[in-house]
Structures are given as C-alpha cells and as structure tokens.
Amino acid sequence: MLGQNVNNDKDRELVEQVLKRDDEAFRVLIKDNQRLVFSIVFKMLNNNADSKDVCQDIFIKVYQSLPGFNFNSKLSTWIARIAYNTCINHLRKHKIQLLDDVIHSSDEERIDENNPIDFIEDTNAIRPDKVLYLNEMKQHLEVEMQLLSPVLRTILVLYHQEERSYEEIAEIVKIPIGTVKSYLFRARSNLKNSILKKYKKEDLL
C-alpha cells in the first residue's frame, strides 16, 4: 500500500509538471510508458505499418486529455486505456474483427491450472541441448499469437509481459474480471494446443 502511495505521489508530481507545459516532464512520461503503449499497439495491430503512427497519436491524446485525469487509477493504467481505445477505433475503422473466440463460463474456474505457456518462458534452467529447440518453439508461439484476435493478444501481453493484475486489465479493456480470466484461459489453451500439435509433450518438460 505504501509503495502504491509513493507511485501515486510520483504520478501526481509528474502530471502537475506536464500541465505546466514542462516539455522535459512530458518526455519522462513518454519514456515511463512507451513500452506499455508499444506492447498494446504492436500486439493489437499485429505490428502493421500504422503502428508507429498510432503510438504517436496515443501520446498526443494523453497530452490533450491529461487535464481531465483524476487519479482514480494509476497513470499507467489510464494511459493503457487510451492506447487500447485508440487501437480499437483503428481496427473498427478498418473493419477488423476484434474478438472471435467463444468463451465458456467454466473457463474461469480453470484459470489457475498449470499455465500452458509458462513452460517456454524461461530457458535459463533448461539443458543446453534444448535451448535451441525451445527458442524454435518460442518463434512458433509468436506466430500462433498473431492468429489470435486482437483482444486476446492484448490480454496475454498485459498479463504475461507487462505483469498487470486482473483488476488493471479489466479496467484497461473495460470488461469484468471474470471475463478477463476466461479470455486469458482461452488464449492460453489455444496456444498450448497449437504447440502440442507441433511438438511432442515429453519435449516440453
């Protein structure tokens, strides 16, 4: 709780400086949040030619909207929400389907089972002769991730890469926490099934 208060104080001070038209403060804000914004944009838009322009558009919107930021959430969560909405509008403009998975209510109950994609996240403890093999699987996994719908890709990257909580993700994408868990489970299951079709189960251990 203390750490959160410290972060909020830092955010508040930074926002106040930006609102005073401090260019250096805005550069700090961009630097602190650019990885998060880039992760959302490049996953949602599948790293297409418009991605960089969309990122620039997002930070322009952040600057323009900052006077209305009320600190009801973390600054980074608020910025992520703007990034997500901007990408959604871009995808809708280009008539790209946002979510094509059917989510079952039972998925939420199974969300805490063994993570289907954790087995290739860390190669540090793997035997040297398997490192190249696992790197190949990572590349295959990345390709399969591009086949997921934009919303599922985004939830995966927010949870695993950006280490955001279920609550933060729910706030960013504006869906219930239970739905976040269900979407996450479905995305993991799809990736796991794809990996198991290509590789032997014993090779993943």
C-alpha atoms as a PDB file:
ATOM      1  CA  MET A   1       0.000   0.000   0.000  1.00  0.00           C
ATOM      2  CA  LEU A   2       2.859   2.358   0.856  1.00  0.00           C
ATOM      3  CA  GLY A   3       4.517   1.597  -2.489  1.00  0.00           C
ATOM      4  CA  GLN A   4       1.284   2.431  -4.296  1.00  0.00           C
ATOM      5  CA  ASN A   5       1.066   5.763  -2.467  1.00  0.00           C
ATOM      6  CA  VAL A   6       4.651   6.541  -3.459  1.00  0.00           C
ATOM      7  CA  ASN A   7       3.827   5.790  -7.089  1.00  0.00           C
ATOM      8  CA  ASN A   8       0.696   7.935  -6.908  1.00  0.00           C
ATOM      9  CA  ASP A   9       2.701  10.829  -5.475  1.00  0.00           C
ATOM     10  CA  LYS A  10       5.241  10.453  -8.268  1.00  0.00           C
ATOM     11  CA  ASP A  11       2.469  10.333 -10.873  1.00  0.00           C
ATOM     12  CA  ARG A  12       0.780  13.389  -9.393  1.00  0.00           C
ATOM     13  CA  GLU A  13       4.000  15.399  -9.404  1.00  0.00           C
ATOM     14  CA  LEU A  14       4.753  14.354 -12.985  1.00  0.00           C
ATOM     15  CA  VAL A  15       1.250  15.251 -14.190  1.00  0.00           C
ATOM     16  CA  GLU A  16       1.434  18.631 -12.479  1.00  0.00           C
ATOM     17  CA  GLN A  17       4.719  19.381 -14.241  1.00  0.00           C
ATOM     18  CA  VAL A  18       3.339  18.332 -17.640  1.00  0.00           C
ATOM     19  CA  LEU A  19       0.269  20.523 -17.110  1.00  0.00           C
ATOM     20  CA  LYS A  20       2.653  23.434 -16.525  1.00  0.00           C
ATOM     21  CA  ARG A  21       3.907  22.753 -20.074  1.00  0.00           C
ATOM     22  CA  ASP A  22       7.184  21.288 -18.876  1.00  0.00           C
ATOM     23  CA  ASP A  23       8.470  19.540 -22.013  1.00  0.00           C
ATOM     24  CA  GLU A  24      11.049  17.533 -20.095  1.00  0.00           C
ATOM     25  CA  ALA A  25       8.333  16.173 -17.778  1.00  0.00           C
ATOM     26  CA  PHE A  26       6.298  15.052 -20.785  1.00  0.00           C
ATOM     27  CA  ARG A  27       9.371  13.306 -22.204  1.00  0.00           C
ATOM     28  CA  VAL A  28       9.703  11.473 -18.879  1.00  0.00           C
ATOM     29  CA  LEU A  29       6.024  10.486 -19.036  1.00  0.00           C
ATOM     30  CA  ILE A  30       6.529   9.088 -22.541  1.00  0.00           C
ATOM     31  CA  LYS A  31       9.685   7.233 -21.534  1.00  0.00           C
ATOM     32  CA  ASP A  32       7.987   5.700 -18.479  1.00  0.00           C
ATOM     33  CA  ASN A  33       5.024   4.440 -20.502  1.00  0.00           C
ATOM     34  CA  GLN A  34       6.255   3.870 -24.038  1.00  0.00           C
ATOM     35  CA  ARG A  35       6.962   0.166 -23.555  1.00  0.00           C
ATOM     36  CA  LEU A  36       3.421  -0.406 -22.277  1.00  0.00           C
ATOM     37  CA  VAL A  37       1.886   1.580 -25.140  1.00  0.00           C
ATOM     38  CA  PHE A  38       4.078  -0.099 -27.756  1.00  0.00           C
ATOM     39  CA  SER A  39       3.207  -3.552 -26.379  1.00  0.00           C
ATOM     40  CA  ILE A  40      -0.511  -2.866 -26.691  1.00  0.00           C
ATOM     41  CA  VAL A  41      -0.306  -1.239 -30.122  1.00  0.00           C
ATOM     42  CA  PHE A  42       2.025  -3.708 -31.778  1.00  0.00           C
ATOM     43  CA  LYS A  43       0.059  -6.695 -30.462  1.00  0.00           C
ATOM     44  CA  MET A  44      -3.370  -5.307 -31.276  1.00  0.00           C
ATOM     45  CA  LEU A  45      -2.397  -4.095 -34.746  1.00  0.00           C
ATOM     46  CA  ASN A  46      -0.159  -7.084 -35.469  1.00  0.00           C
ATOM     47  CA  ASN A  47       2.824  -4.779 -35.989  1.00  0.00           C
ATOM     48  CA  ASN A  48       1.397  -3.297 -39.181  1.00  0.00           C
ATOM     49  CA  ALA A  49       2.594  -0.192 -40.997  1.00  0.00           C
ATOM     50  CA  ASP A  50       0.308   2.088 -38.981  1.00  0.00           C
ATOM     51  CA  SER A  51       1.636   1.045 -35.565  1.00  0.00           C
ATOM     52  CA  LYS A  52       4.170   3.853 -35.110  1.00  0.00           C
ATOM     53  CA  ASP A  53       1.679   6.493 -36.205  1.00  0.00           C
ATOM     54  CA  VAL A  54      -0.903   5.100 -33.787  1.00  0.00           C
ATOM     55  CA  CYS A  55       1.647   5.254 -30.930  1.00  0.00           C
ATOM     56  CA  GLN A  56       2.293   8.923 -31.684  1.00  0.00           C
ATOM     57  CA  ASP A  57      -1.447   9.574 -31.828  1.00  0.00           C
ATOM     58  CA  ILE A  58      -1.880   7.936 -28.410  1.00  0.00           C
ATOM     59  CA  PHE A  59       0.652  10.183 -26.694  1.00  0.00           C
ATOM     60  CA  ILE A  60      -0.925  13.232 -28.337  1.00  0.00           C
ATOM     61  CA  LYS A  61      -4.273  12.126 -26.880  1.00  0.00           C
ATOM     62  CA  VAL A  62      -2.629  11.570 -23.488  1.00  0.00           C
ATOM     63  CA  TYR A  63      -1.275  15.119 -23.524  1.00  0.00           C
ATOM     64  CA  GLN A  64      -4.601  16.579 -24.593  1.00  0.00           C
ATOM     65  CA  SER A  65      -6.589  14.539 -22.049  1.00  0.00           C
ATOM     66  CA  LEU A  66      -4.245  14.954 -19.100  1.00  0.00           C
ATOM     67  CA  PRO A  67      -6.147  17.928 -17.568  1.00  0.00           C
ATOM     68  CA  GLY A  68      -9.085  15.546 -17.035  1.00  0.00           C
ATOM     69  CA  PHE A  69      -7.068  12.796 -15.340  1.00  0.00           C
ATOM     70  CA  ASN A  70      -8.492  12.470 -11.818  1.00  0.00           C
ATOM     71  CA  PHE A  71      -6.093   9.915 -10.267  1.00  0.00           C
ATOM     72  CA  ASN A  72      -8.866   7.380  -9.718  1.00  0.00           C
ATOM     73  CA  SER A  73      -6.471   4.854 -11.274  1.00  0.00           C
ATOM     74  CA  LYS A  74      -2.747   4.538 -11.826  1.00  0.00           C
ATOM     75  CA  LEU A  75      -1.418   6.866 -14.505  1.00  0.00           C
ATOM     76  CA  SER A  76      -0.043   3.932 -16.491  1.00  0.00           C
ATOM     77  CA  THR A  77      -3.428   2.173 -16.387  1.00  0.00           C
ATOM     78  CA  TRP A  78      -5.149   5.319 -17.647  1.00  0.00           C
ATOM     79  CA  ILE A  79      -2.618   5.648 -20.473  1.00  0.00           C
ATOM     80  CA  ALA A  80      -3.040   1.967 -21.345  1.00  0.00           C
ATOM     81  CA  ARG A  81      -6.797   2.535 -21.560  1.00  0.00           C
ATOM     82  CA  ILE A  82      -6.264   5.355 -24.070  1.00  0.00           C
ATOM     83  CA  ALA A  83      -3.925   3.108 -26.061  1.00  0.00           C
ATOM     84  CA  TYR A  84      -6.453   0.277 -26.073  1.00  0.00           C
ATOM     85  CA  ASN A  85      -9.345   2.537 -27.136  1.00  0.00           C
ATOM     86  CA  THR A  86      -7.256   4.107 -29.895  1.00  0.00           C
ATOM     87  CA  CYS A  87      -6.372   0.671 -31.255  1.00  0.00           C
ATOM     88  CA  ILE A  88      -9.996  -0.488 -31.043  1.00  0.00           C
ATOM     89  CA  ASN A  89     -11.115   2.536 -33.064  1.00  0.00           C
ATOM     90  CA  HIS A  90      -8.359   1.902 -35.609  1.00  0.00           C
ATOM     91  CA  LEU A  91      -9.362  -1.751 -36.006  1.00  0.00           C
ATOM     92  CA  ARG A  92     -13.047  -0.880 -36.314  1.00  0.00           C
ATOM     93  CA  LYS A  93     -12.230   1.716 -38.943  1.00  0.00           C
ATOM     94  CA  HIS A  94     -10.506  -1.000 -40.968  1.00  0.00           C
ATOM     95  CA  LYS A  95     -13.340  -3.471 -40.243  1.00  0.00           C
ATOM     96  CA  ILE A  96     -11.080  -5.966 -38.429  1.00  0.00           C
ATOM     97  CA  GLN A  97     -12.813  -8.447 -36.132  1.00  0.00           C
ATOM     98  CA  LEU A  98     -11.889  -7.711 -32.522  1.00  0.00           C
ATOM     99  CA  LEU A  99     -12.808 -10.945 -30.768  1.00  0.00           C
ATOM    100  CA  ASP A 100     -13.607 -14.236 -32.452  1.00  0.00           C
ATOM    101  CA  ASP A 101     -13.224 -16.705 -29.599  1.00  0.00           C
ATOM    102  CA  VAL A 102     -16.195 -18.298 -27.874  1.00  0.00           C
ATOM    103  CA  ILE A 103     -15.651 -18.098 -24.113  1.00  0.00           C
ATOM    104  CA  HIS A 104     -17.239 -20.657 -21.830  1.00  0.00           C
ATOM    105  CA  SER A 105     -18.244 -19.770 -18.274  1.00  0.00           C
ATOM    106  CA  SER A 106     -16.422 -22.841 -16.979  1.00  0.00           C
ATOM    107  CA  ASP A 107     -13.102 -21.426 -18.191  1.00  0.00           C
ATOM    108  CA  GLU A 108     -12.885 -19.013 -15.273  1.00  0.00           C
ATOM    109  CA  GLU A 109     -12.949 -21.881 -12.806  1.00  0.00           C
ATOM    110  CA  ARG A 110      -9.946 -23.459 -14.532  1.00  0.00           C
ATOM    111  CA  ILE A 111      -7.817 -20.348 -14.865  1.00  0.00           C
ATOM    112  CA  ASP A 112      -5.468 -21.260 -12.029  1.00  0.00           C
ATOM    113  CA  GLU A 113      -4.446 -24.581 -13.513  1.00  0.00           C
ATOM    114  CA  ASN A 114      -0.899 -25.003 -14.810  1.00  0.00           C
ATOM    115  CA  ASN A 115      -0.132 -22.155 -17.182  1.00  0.00           C
ATOM    116  CA  PRO A 116       0.021 -23.653 -20.688  1.00  0.00           C
ATOM    117  CA  ILE A 117       2.642 -21.181 -21.901  1.00  0.00           C
ATOM    118  CA  ASP A 118       4.905 -20.939 -18.850  1.00  0.00           C
ATOM    119  CA  PHE A 119       6.881 -23.961 -19.928  1.00  0.00           C
ATOM    120  CA  ILE A 120       8.737 -21.968 -22.590  1.00  0.00           C
ATOM    121  CA  GLU A 121       9.036 -18.635 -20.828  1.00  0.00           C
ATOM    122  CA  ASP A 122      12.349 -19.302 -19.086  1.00  0.00           C
ATOM    123  CA  THR A 123      15.217 -21.169 -20.725  1.00  0.00           C
ATOM    124  CA  ASN A 124      17.798 -20.383 -18.026  1.00  0.00           C
ATOM    125  CA  ALA A 125      17.252 -23.692 -16.219  1.00  0.00           C
ATOM    126  CA  ILE A 126      16.981 -25.795 -19.391  1.00  0.00           C
ATOM    127  CA  ARG A 127      19.694 -28.166 -20.565  1.00  0.00           C
ATOM    128  CA  PRO A 128      21.939 -26.519 -23.220  1.00  0.00           C
ATOM    129  CA  ASP A 129      20.949 -29.101 -25.829  1.00  0.00           C
ATOM    130  CA  LYS A 130      17.321 -27.993 -25.535  1.00  0.00           C
ATOM    131  CA  VAL A 131      17.817 -24.223 -25.698  1.00  0.00           C
ATOM    132  CA  LEU A 132      17.744 -24.047 -29.492  1.00  0.00           C
ATOM    133  CA  TYR A 133      14.732 -26.337 -29.545  1.00  0.00           C
ATOM    134  CA  LEU A 134      12.856 -24.142 -27.095  1.00  0.00           C
ATOM    135  CA  ASN A 135      13.815 -20.996 -28.980  1.00  0.00           C
ATOM    136  CA  GLU A 136      12.272 -22.545 -32.067  1.00  0.00           C
ATOM    137  CA  MET A 137       9.101 -23.183 -30.072  1.00  0.00           C
ATOM    138  CA  LYS A 138       9.067 -19.559 -28.940  1.00  0.00           C
ATOM    139  CA  GLN A 139       9.171 -18.433 -32.555  1.00  0.00           C
ATOM    140  CA  HIS A 140       6.316 -20.803 -33.374  1.00  0.00           C
ATOM    141  CA  LEU A 141       4.369 -19.470 -30.391  1.00  0.00           C
ATOM    142  CA  GLU A 142       4.841 -15.891 -31.574  1.00  0.00           C
ATOM    143  CA  VAL A 143       3.439 -16.813 -34.976  1.00  0.00           C
ATOM    144  CA  GLU A 144       0.443 -18.507 -33.354  1.00  0.00           C
ATOM    145  CA  MET A 145      -0.179 -15.463 -31.163  1.00  0.00           C
ATOM    146  CA  GLN A 146      -0.674 -13.399 -34.304  1.00  0.00           C
ATOM    147  CA  LEU A 147      -3.580 -15.682 -35.203  1.00  0.00           C
ATOM    148  CA  LEU A 148      -5.438 -14.829 -32.003  1.00  0.00           C
ATOM    149  CA  SER A 149      -7.941 -11.994 -32.032  1.00  0.00           C
ATOM    150  CA  PRO A 150      -6.589  -8.520 -31.091  1.00  0.00           C
ATOM    151  CA  VAL A 151      -8.333  -8.509 -27.718  1.00  0.00           C
ATOM    152  CA  LEU A 152      -6.946 -11.902 -26.681  1.00  0.00           C
ATOM    153  CA  ARG A 153      -3.435 -10.943 -27.805  1.00  0.00           C
ATOM    154  CA  THR A 154      -3.640  -7.763 -25.763  1.00  0.00           C
ATOM    155  CA  ILE A 155      -4.832  -9.505 -22.605  1.00  0.00           C
ATOM    156  CA  LEU A 156      -2.000 -12.035 -22.924  1.00  0.00           C
ATOM    157  CA  VAL A 157       0.643  -9.355 -23.295  1.00  0.00           C
ATOM    158  CA  LEU A 158      -0.751  -7.246 -20.444  1.00  0.00           C
ATOM    159  CA  TYR A 159      -0.783 -10.213 -18.081  1.00  0.00           C
ATOM    160  CA  HIS A 160       2.434 -12.028 -19.027  1.00  0.00           C
ATOM    161  CA  GLN A 161       4.691  -9.350 -20.489  1.00  0.00           C
ATOM    162  CA  GLU A 162       3.546  -6.244 -18.640  1.00  0.00           C
ATOM    163  CA  GLU A 163       2.641  -8.195 -15.465  1.00  0.00           C
ATOM    164  CA  ARG A 164      -0.625  -6.343 -14.947  1.00  0.00           C
ATOM    165  CA  SER A 165      -3.154  -7.655 -12.467  1.00  0.00           C
ATOM    166  CA  TYR A 166      -6.585  -8.968 -13.448  1.00  0.00           C
ATOM    167  CA  GLU A 167      -8.055  -5.800 -11.941  1.00  0.00           C
ATOM    168  CA  GLU A 168      -5.851  -3.494 -14.019  1.00  0.00           C
ATOM    169  CA  ILE A 169      -6.548  -5.428 -17.216  1.00  0.00           C
ATOM    170  CA  ALA A 170     -10.281  -5.300 -16.527  1.00  0.00           C
ATOM    171  CA  GLU A 171     -10.016  -1.530 -16.130  1.00  0.00           C
ATOM    172  CA  ILE A 172      -7.987  -1.132 -19.323  1.00  0.00           C
ATOM    173  CA  VAL A 173     -10.248  -3.203 -21.570  1.00  0.00           C
ATOM    174  CA  LYS A 174     -13.459  -2.396 -19.659  1.00  0.00           C
ATOM    175  CA  ILE A 175     -14.706  -5.933 -19.103  1.00  0.00           C
ATOM    176  CA  PRO A 176     -15.440  -7.837 -15.854  1.00  0.00           C
ATOM    177  CA  ILE A 177     -12.531  -9.513 -14.068  1.00  0.00           C
ATOM    178  CA  GLY A 178     -14.145 -12.923 -14.586  1.00  0.00           C
ATOM    179  CA  THR A 179     -14.219 -12.298 -18.325  1.00  0.00           C
ATOM    180  CA  VAL A 180     -10.550 -11.311 -18.277  1.00  0.00           C
ATOM    181  CA  LYS A 181      -9.748 -14.654 -16.629  1.00  0.00           C
ATOM    182  CA  SER A 182     -11.869 -16.549 -19.152  1.00  0.00           C
ATOM    183  CA  TYR A 183     -10.276 -14.788 -22.130  1.00  0.00           C
ATOM    184  CA  LEU A 184      -6.823 -15.422 -20.698  1.00  0.00           C
ATOM    185  CA  PHE A 185      -7.561 -19.102 -20.180  1.00  0.00           C
ATOM    186  CA  ARG A 186      -8.948 -19.456 -23.709  1.00  0.00           C
ATOM    187  CA  ALA A 187      -5.929 -17.737 -25.263  1.00  0.00           C
ATOM    188  CA  ARG A 188      -3.525 -19.933 -23.275  1.00  0.00           C
ATOM    189  CA  SER A 189      -5.428 -23.065 -24.244  1.00  0.00           C
ATOM    190  CA  ASN A 190      -5.324 -22.171 -27.933  1.00  0.00           C
ATOM    191  CA  LEU A 191      -1.573 -21.609 -27.782  1.00  0.00           C
ATOM    192  CA  LYS A 192      -0.978 -24.801 -25.816  1.00  0.00           C
ATOM    193  CA  ASN A 193      -2.984 -26.880 -28.281  1.00  0.00           C
ATOM    194  CA  SER A 194      -1.040 -25.396 -31.169  1.00  0.00           C
ATOM    195  CA  ILE A 195       2.290 -26.202 -29.501  1.00  0.00           C
ATOM    196  CA  LEU A 196       1.222 -29.777 -28.723  1.00  0.00           C
ATOM    197  CA  LYS A 197       0.225 -30.351 -32.347  1.00  0.00           C
ATOM    198  CA  LYS A 198       3.730 -29.460 -33.487  1.00  0.00           C
ATOM    199  CA  TYR A 199       5.880 -30.806 -30.641  1.00  0.00           C
ATOM    200  CA  LYS A 200       5.877 -33.943 -28.517  1.00  0.00           C
ATOM    201  CA  LYS A 201       4.628 -33.457 -24.960  1.00  0.00           C
ATOM    202  CA  GLU A 202       7.740 -35.040 -23.461  1.00  0.00           C
ATOM    203  CA  ASP A 203       9.939 -32.491 -25.271  1.00  0.00           C
ATOM    204  CA  LEU A 204       8.260 -29.681 -23.338  1.00  0.00           C
ATOM    205  CA  LEU A 205       9.403 -30.986 -19.962  1.00  0.00           C
END
